[in-house]
Protein backbone atom coordinates (compact mmCIF):
# COMPACT_ATOMS: atom_id res chain seq x y z
CA MET A 1 -3.17 17.77 16.60
CA ALA A 2 -4.68 17.99 20.55
CA GLN A 3 -5.94 14.29 20.66
CA TYR A 4 -2.56 13.50 19.56
CA GLU A 5 -1.52 14.90 22.89
CA GLY A 6 -1.23 13.60 26.27
CA LYS A 7 -1.35 14.32 29.90
CA TRP A 8 2.04 15.45 31.59
CA GLN A 9 2.53 13.30 34.55
CA TRP A 10 4.98 11.93 36.56
CA TRP A 11 7.08 8.83 37.12
CA ALA A 12 9.73 7.37 39.08
CA GLY A 13 12.35 4.39 38.40
CA SER A 14 15.58 2.95 40.15
CA ASN A 15 17.35 4.89 36.50
CA GLU A 16 16.66 7.14 33.67
CA GLU A 17 16.18 4.19 31.86
CA TRP A 18 13.22 2.22 33.35
CA MET A 19 10.19 3.17 35.27
CA THR A 20 8.39 1.72 37.41
CA VAL A 21 5.86 3.83 39.02
CA GLY A 22 3.74 6.13 37.64
CA PRO A 23 1.82 7.56 36.38
CA CYS A 24 1.33 10.16 38.99
CA ASP A 25 -0.64 13.34 39.01
CA THR A 26 2.11 15.66 41.15
CA ARG A 27 6.07 14.76 42.06
CA GLU A 28 5.82 14.73 45.74
CA GLN A 29 3.01 11.93 44.74
CA VAL A 30 5.45 9.93 42.64
CA ILE A 31 8.58 10.59 45.05
CA ALA A 32 5.56 9.06 48.22
CA GLU A 33 4.96 6.30 45.37
CA ALA A 34 8.58 5.01 44.99
CA THR A 35 9.50 5.55 48.76
CA ASP A 36 7.15 2.96 49.26
CA ASP A 37 7.46 0.90 46.69
CA ARG A 38 11.68 0.94 48.10
CA ILE A 39 12.55 1.92 44.60
CA GLY A 40 17.10 2.20 44.16
CA GLU A 41 17.70 0.82 47.73
CA ASP A 42 21.52 1.36 48.78
CA LEU A 43 23.80 1.61 51.82
CA VAL A 44 25.47 4.17 52.21
CA ASP A 45 27.81 4.79 54.98
CA GLY A 46 26.32 2.37 56.88
CA LYS A 47 23.10 4.42 56.42
CA TRP A 48 20.33 2.54 54.29
CA ILE A 49 18.67 4.90 51.48
CA LEU A 50 16.51 5.25 48.55
CA ALA A 51 17.73 6.63 45.37
CA PHE A 52 15.73 6.89 42.73
CA HIS A 53 14.86 9.46 39.17
CA ILE A 54 11.88 11.28 38.80
CA VAL A 55 10.55 12.76 35.66
CA GLU A 56 7.79 14.28 34.44
CA ALA A 57 6.55 12.94 30.79
CA ARG A 58 4.01 12.69 28.48
CA GLN A 59 2.85 9.72 26.70
CA ASP A 60 1.22 10.89 23.17
CA PRO A 61 -0.79 9.00 21.09
CA LEU A 62 1.18 7.61 18.35
CA ARG A 63 0.33 9.50 14.70
CA VAL A 64 -0.26 7.03 11.97
CA ALA A 65 0.31 10.53 9.62
CA ASP A 66 3.78 10.60 11.35
CA TRP A 67 5.01 7.03 10.96
CA ILE A 68 3.19 6.29 6.95
CA GLY A 69 6.29 7.60 5.73
CA ALA A 70 4.13 10.39 3.08
CA ASP A 71 7.65 12.55 2.83
CA ARG A 72 9.23 9.71 0.80
CA LEU A 73 6.18 8.26 -1.58
CA LEU A 74 7.01 9.49 -4.89
CA GLU A 75 10.37 7.62 -3.94
CA TYR A 76 8.87 4.89 -2.90
CA ALA A 77 6.62 4.74 -5.99
CA GLU A 78 9.37 5.32 -8.40
CA ASP A 79 11.50 2.32 -6.24
CA ASN A 80 8.60 0.05 -7.09
CA ILE A 81 7.70 0.52 -10.57
CA ALA A 82 11.41 0.18 -11.26
CA ASP A 83 11.57 -3.24 -9.87
CA SER A 84 8.51 -4.38 -11.72
CA ASP A 85 7.12 -5.40 -15.41
CA ARG A 86 5.75 -2.28 -16.03
CA VAL A 87 8.79 -0.67 -17.36
CA GLY A 88 12.42 -1.57 -18.62
CA ALA A 89 12.32 -0.91 -22.33
CA GLU A 90 15.25 0.89 -24.19
CA ASN A 91 14.81 4.50 -22.59
CA ASP A 92 12.50 3.88 -19.57
CA ASP A 93 14.80 4.99 -16.73
CA GLY A 94 12.46 7.74 -15.13
CA PRO A 95 11.86 9.52 -12.92
CA TRP A 96 8.44 7.84 -13.74
CA PHE A 97 6.98 10.09 -11.05
CA PRO A 98 8.11 13.82 -11.74
CA ALA A 99 6.71 16.52 -9.24
CA THR A 100 7.52 19.38 -8.26
CA ASP A 101 8.78 20.50 -4.35
CA ASP A 102 4.76 22.45 -3.83
CA GLN A 103 2.83 19.13 -5.64
CA GLU A 104 4.83 16.83 -3.72
CA ALA A 105 4.10 18.73 -0.33
CA ASP A 106 0.50 18.81 -1.66
CA LEU A 107 0.93 15.31 -2.16
CA ILE A 108 2.53 14.89 1.55
CA ALA A 109 -0.36 17.28 3.54
CA ARG A 110 -3.26 15.10 1.92
CA VAL A 111 -1.78 12.16 3.10
CA LYS A 112 -1.03 12.80 6.36
CA ALA A 113 -4.42 14.49 6.54
CA ALA A 114 -6.35 10.50 4.98
CA CYS A 115 -3.96 8.89 7.92
CA ASP A 116 -5.73 11.82 10.63
CA ASP A 117 -9.14 11.66 9.19
CA TRP A 118 -9.14 7.49 9.04
CA GLN A 119 -7.83 7.01 12.56
CA THR A 120 -10.22 9.85 13.86
CA ALA A 121 -13.28 8.12 11.81
CA HIS A 122 -12.14 4.62 13.70
CA GLY A 123 -11.42 6.11 17.25
CA LEU A 124 -8.45 4.42 16.99
CA LYS A 125 -5.71 5.46 19.63
CA PHE A 126 -2.35 4.02 19.56
CA LYS A 127 0.64 3.93 21.79
CA SER A 128 3.86 3.37 22.62
CA PHE A 129 5.52 2.63 26.32
CA THR A 130 8.02 5.16 25.83
CA PHE A 131 7.74 8.09 26.68
CA SER A 132 7.16 11.16 23.85
CA HIS A 133 7.97 13.82 26.10
CA THR A 134 10.10 14.54 29.15
CA ARG A 135 10.75 17.61 31.48
CA ASN A 136 11.67 18.13 35.27
CA GLY A 137 13.87 14.83 35.54
CA ALA A 138 15.99 14.63 39.19
CA ASP A 139 18.25 11.67 40.74
CA VAL A 140 16.29 11.68 44.32
CA VAL A 141 17.97 10.62 47.52
CA VAL A 142 15.43 9.54 50.50
CA PRO A 143 15.94 7.91 54.05
CA HIS A 144 14.86 4.08 54.11
CA PRO A 145 11.70 4.20 55.96
CA ASP A 146 11.95 1.27 57.43
CA PRO A 147 16.02 0.38 57.60
CA ALA A 148 15.68 -2.85 59.29
CA GLU A 149 13.72 -4.01 56.46
CA ALA A 150 15.89 -2.96 54.05
CA ASP A 151 17.65 -5.37 51.99
């Protein structure tokens, strides 16, 4: 699944929820950029500082196979046929698609493989703006680079 792993990069923001600086290759670079952008200006004890959050994070591409619901396909099929005109006769109340655990696991694996093949064949890279993984988060406080220009 290497094609679905993003690169670890550094980000910064005024809080843990919203990163406005990044991506950067190093911790030092993201701190410098956040400082240049004057993220988290605050007046504390009469001194202007910058206080922000940094995190090392990945934004892995989205894999359709992880979100297609392959593990619920037989359940969906049962629900869909139950809601159709195809069944409904007396004593025709399912289950209509009985499968062993091994057979269902095989179906799930095959559907996920088909999704991966389709995504790869078309060069599709889907993404979201949220991080898939984070590590090394920290709150950073640095002196304001130009207190005379602070808000």
